[in-house]
Amino acid sequence: AYLGLFGSLAGMTVWLWLAGVHPLLALLCLALFVVIAVVVAWAVTGGGQFFMQNSFAPLNVMMAGIGSGPIGPGSFTMLRITQMIFMYDMRSLQMPTLLHGFKASDACGVQRASMAKAMALALVVAVLVGTATHIWYASHHSAVKIGGWGYLDAPRLPGLHIVEVFNNPKELSFIKLLWIGGGALFTTWLLALR
């Protein structure tokens, strides 16, 4: 699991670097996402919820901590698009689902390896069926007529946010940085108490 995680993060860092993002900014963004994902997975599994939307994303933390100037326009643009694709909707994150599956397998006396295999198969089938259905439905019923979030609103969000930040740059704020640090310490303290 760790090999897959670190291999994926290294591959994504190289991919972002080739797309014009400074490697340190790419690493920072991905590290923040891993922290957010672990905290969300812990809260969801511990609380017995199906999923939880995060109230912030890595780029929000980076802008609060260092401002938008040091990130630069090229890095900001690529990180914002990457964030929208991979980090925006936490319902697609598999970590809480896997932890729920392990929790259920422990309660039912099923081996975790068997549960993981069944969940992986279910995920592959769901992606294949969902993709085929989505392509068929959108091609038979105009995507513009379907409208709504997936075809009209969501694709515009990164561009609107990029323009807003370019027109109104965010400066470094030590107060916001203290709030981020305080939140991190408080969350660490909660984890230690657990």
Protein backbone atom coordinates (compact mmCIF):
# COMPACT_ATOMS: atom_id res chain seq x y z
CA ALA A 1 0.00 0.00 0.00
CA TYR A 2 2.79 2.42 0.90
CA LEU A 3 4.68 1.54 -2.28
CA GLY A 4 1.56 2.29 -4.34
CA LEU A 5 0.92 5.54 -2.47
CA PHE A 6 4.46 6.85 -2.80
CA GLY A 7 4.78 5.61 -6.39
CA SER A 8 1.54 7.38 -7.32
CA LEU A 9 2.58 10.59 -5.58
CA ALA A 10 5.99 10.50 -7.28
CA GLY A 11 4.36 9.90 -10.68
CA MET A 12 1.89 12.72 -10.15
CA THR A 13 4.68 15.06 -9.01
CA VAL A 14 6.62 14.34 -12.21
CA TRP A 15 3.44 14.77 -14.26
CA LEU A 16 2.74 18.16 -12.65
CA TRP A 17 6.37 19.20 -13.09
CA LEU A 18 6.20 18.34 -16.80
CA ALA A 19 2.98 20.40 -16.97
CA GLY A 20 4.81 23.46 -15.65
CA VAL A 21 4.32 23.27 -11.86
CA HIS A 22 7.37 23.85 -9.67
CA PRO A 23 8.24 20.45 -8.09
CA LEU A 24 8.18 21.82 -4.50
CA LEU A 25 4.71 23.28 -5.03
CA ALA A 26 3.52 20.00 -6.53
CA LEU A 27 4.90 18.07 -3.55
CA LEU A 28 3.33 20.51 -1.09
CA CYS A 29 -0.06 20.30 -2.80
CA LEU A 30 -0.01 16.49 -2.88
CA ALA A 31 1.23 16.23 0.72
CA LEU A 32 -1.61 18.51 1.87
CA PHE A 33 -4.09 16.38 -0.06
CA VAL A 34 -2.83 13.21 1.61
CA VAL A 35 -3.26 14.85 5.03
CA ILE A 36 -6.78 16.03 4.12
CA ALA A 37 -7.68 12.59 2.76
CA VAL A 38 -6.44 10.81 5.89
CA VAL A 39 -8.34 13.19 8.19
CA VAL A 40 -11.55 12.86 6.13
CA ALA A 41 -11.21 9.05 6.00
CA TRP A 42 -10.64 8.94 9.75
CA ALA A 43 -13.64 11.17 10.46
CA VAL A 44 -15.92 9.26 8.07
CA THR A 45 -14.96 5.81 9.33
CA GLY A 46 -14.92 6.83 12.99
CA GLY A 47 -18.27 8.57 12.66
CA GLY A 48 -19.94 5.86 10.59
CA GLN A 49 -20.75 8.18 7.69
CA PHE A 50 -20.66 7.25 4.00
CA PHE A 51 -18.66 10.32 2.94
CA MET A 52 -17.81 13.83 4.00
CA GLN A 53 -17.12 16.86 1.85
CA ASN A 54 -13.99 18.76 2.77
CA SER A 55 -14.46 22.45 3.45
CA PHE A 56 -11.12 23.32 1.90
CA ALA A 57 -8.61 21.92 -0.56
CA PRO A 58 -4.81 21.96 -0.76
CA LEU A 59 -4.63 25.10 -2.90
CA ASN A 60 -6.76 27.00 -0.36
CA VAL A 61 -4.28 26.07 2.39
CA MET A 62 -1.32 26.99 0.18
CA MET A 63 -2.80 30.40 -0.69
CA ALA A 64 -3.62 31.11 2.95
CA GLY A 65 -0.12 30.12 3.97
CA ILE A 66 2.08 31.65 1.27
CA GLY A 67 -0.30 33.76 -0.82
CA SER A 68 -0.94 33.37 -4.53
CA GLY A 69 2.13 35.35 -5.69
CA PRO A 70 4.80 32.75 -4.85
CA ILE A 71 2.73 30.02 -6.51
CA GLY A 72 2.88 31.81 -9.87
CA PRO A 73 0.33 31.83 -12.70
CA GLY A 74 1.47 28.65 -14.48
CA SER A 75 1.70 26.56 -11.33
CA PHE A 76 -1.54 27.98 -9.94
CA THR A 77 -3.45 27.22 -13.15
CA MET A 78 -2.26 23.61 -13.36
CA LEU A 79 -2.73 22.97 -9.64
CA ARG A 80 -6.26 24.43 -9.75
CA ILE A 81 -7.28 22.24 -12.68
CA THR A 82 -5.66 19.18 -11.04
CA GLN A 83 -7.45 19.97 -7.78
CA MET A 84 -10.81 20.15 -9.56
CA ILE A 85 -10.27 16.82 -11.28
CA PHE A 86 -8.73 14.76 -8.48
CA MET A 87 -9.30 16.50 -5.15
CA TYR A 88 -12.60 18.37 -5.28
CA ASP A 89 -15.24 15.69 -4.70
CA MET A 90 -14.27 13.50 -1.77
CA ARG A 91 -17.02 10.99 -2.58
CA SER A 92 -14.75 9.50 -5.24
CA LEU A 93 -11.97 8.95 -2.70
CA GLN A 94 -11.64 5.21 -2.06
CA MET A 95 -9.85 5.39 1.30
CA PRO A 96 -13.01 5.74 3.48
CA THR A 97 -14.76 3.00 1.50
CA LEU A 98 -11.84 0.64 2.00
CA LEU A 99 -11.73 1.42 5.73
CA HIS A 100 -15.49 0.84 6.00
CA GLY A 101 -15.02 -2.49 4.21
CA PHE A 102 -12.27 -3.53 6.62
CA LYS A 103 -14.40 -2.46 9.58
CA ALA A 104 -17.32 -4.53 8.24
CA SER A 105 -15.10 -7.53 7.51
CA ASP A 106 -13.78 -7.45 11.07
CA ALA A 107 -17.31 -7.29 12.47
CA CYS A 108 -18.49 -10.18 10.26
CA GLY A 109 -15.40 -12.35 10.63
CA VAL A 110 -14.45 -12.11 6.93
CA GLN A 111 -10.77 -11.97 5.99
CA ARG A 112 -9.67 -8.49 4.95
CA ALA A 113 -7.89 -9.80 1.84
CA SER A 114 -11.12 -11.40 0.60
CA MET A 115 -13.05 -8.21 1.29
CA ALA A 116 -10.43 -6.11 -0.53
CA LYS A 117 -10.62 -8.39 -3.60
CA ALA A 118 -14.43 -8.22 -3.67
CA MET A 119 -14.33 -4.43 -3.30
CA ALA A 120 -11.73 -4.09 -6.08
CA LEU A 121 -13.88 -6.20 -8.41
CA ALA A 122 -16.96 -4.13 -7.53
CA LEU A 123 -15.03 -0.93 -8.22
CA VAL A 124 -13.84 -2.11 -11.65
CA VAL A 125 -17.36 -3.23 -12.63
CA ALA A 126 -18.87 0.05 -11.37
CA VAL A 127 -16.36 2.16 -13.33
CA LEU A 128 -16.90 0.18 -16.54
CA VAL A 129 -20.71 0.16 -16.31
CA GLY A 130 -20.86 3.78 -15.15
CA THR A 131 -18.56 5.00 -17.92
CA ALA A 132 -20.44 3.10 -20.64
CA THR A 133 -23.81 4.32 -19.34
CA HIS A 134 -22.60 7.90 -19.07
CA ILE A 135 -21.17 7.94 -22.59
CA TRP A 136 -24.30 6.33 -24.04
CA TYR A 137 -26.69 8.65 -22.19
CA ALA A 138 -24.76 11.84 -23.00
CA SER A 139 -24.42 10.90 -26.67
CA HIS A 140 -28.13 10.07 -27.04
CA HIS A 141 -29.37 13.05 -25.04
CA SER A 142 -27.42 16.24 -25.68
CA ALA A 143 -25.08 17.09 -22.83
CA VAL A 144 -26.28 20.69 -23.02
CA LYS A 145 -29.89 19.51 -22.52
CA ILE A 146 -28.82 17.33 -19.58
CA GLY A 147 -27.14 20.44 -18.18
CA GLY A 148 -26.64 20.90 -14.51
CA TRP A 149 -23.51 20.41 -12.53
CA GLY A 150 -21.52 17.93 -14.61
CA TYR A 151 -21.75 19.59 -18.02
CA LEU A 152 -22.29 23.29 -17.39
CA ASP A 153 -21.32 24.39 -13.88
CA ALA A 154 -18.39 22.22 -12.75
CA PRO A 155 -16.23 22.66 -15.87
CA ARG A 156 -16.36 26.44 -15.42
CA LEU A 157 -15.28 26.55 -11.76
CA PRO A 158 -11.50 26.29 -12.19
CA GLY A 159 -11.43 29.02 -14.85
CA LEU A 160 -13.58 31.37 -12.77
CA HIS A 161 -11.40 30.81 -9.70
CA ILE A 162 -8.17 31.28 -11.70
CA VAL A 163 -9.42 34.60 -13.11
CA GLU A 164 -10.59 35.75 -9.65
CA VAL A 165 -7.18 35.00 -8.10
CA PHE A 166 -5.27 36.64 -10.98
CA ASN A 167 -7.44 39.77 -10.69
CA ASN A 168 -7.26 39.82 -6.87
CA PRO A 169 -3.95 38.26 -5.77
CA LYS A 170 -3.86 36.81 -2.27
CA GLU A 171 -1.05 38.01 -0.02
CA LEU A 172 0.74 36.08 2.71
CA SER A 173 -1.24 36.30 5.95
CA PHE A 174 0.46 35.35 9.21
CA ILE A 175 -2.93 35.24 10.96
CA LYS A 176 -4.23 32.66 8.46
CA LEU A 177 -0.96 30.76 8.78
CA LEU A 178 -1.43 30.65 12.57
CA TRP A 179 -5.00 29.36 12.11
CA ILE A 180 -3.74 26.61 9.79
CA GLY A 181 -1.02 25.65 12.27
CA GLY A 182 -3.49 25.71 15.16
CA GLY A 183 -5.92 23.52 13.26
CA ALA A 184 -3.15 21.08 12.41
CA LEU A 185 -2.05 20.90 16.05
CA PHE A 186 -5.63 20.46 17.26
CA THR A 187 -6.27 17.66 14.76
CA THR A 188 -2.99 15.99 15.75
CA TRP A 189 -4.01 16.25 19.41
CA LEU A 190 -7.41 14.64 18.60
CA LEU A 191 -5.68 11.82 16.75
CA ALA A 192 -3.33 11.28 19.68
CA LEU A 193 -6.28 11.14 22.09
CA ARG A 194 -7.95 8.53 19.90
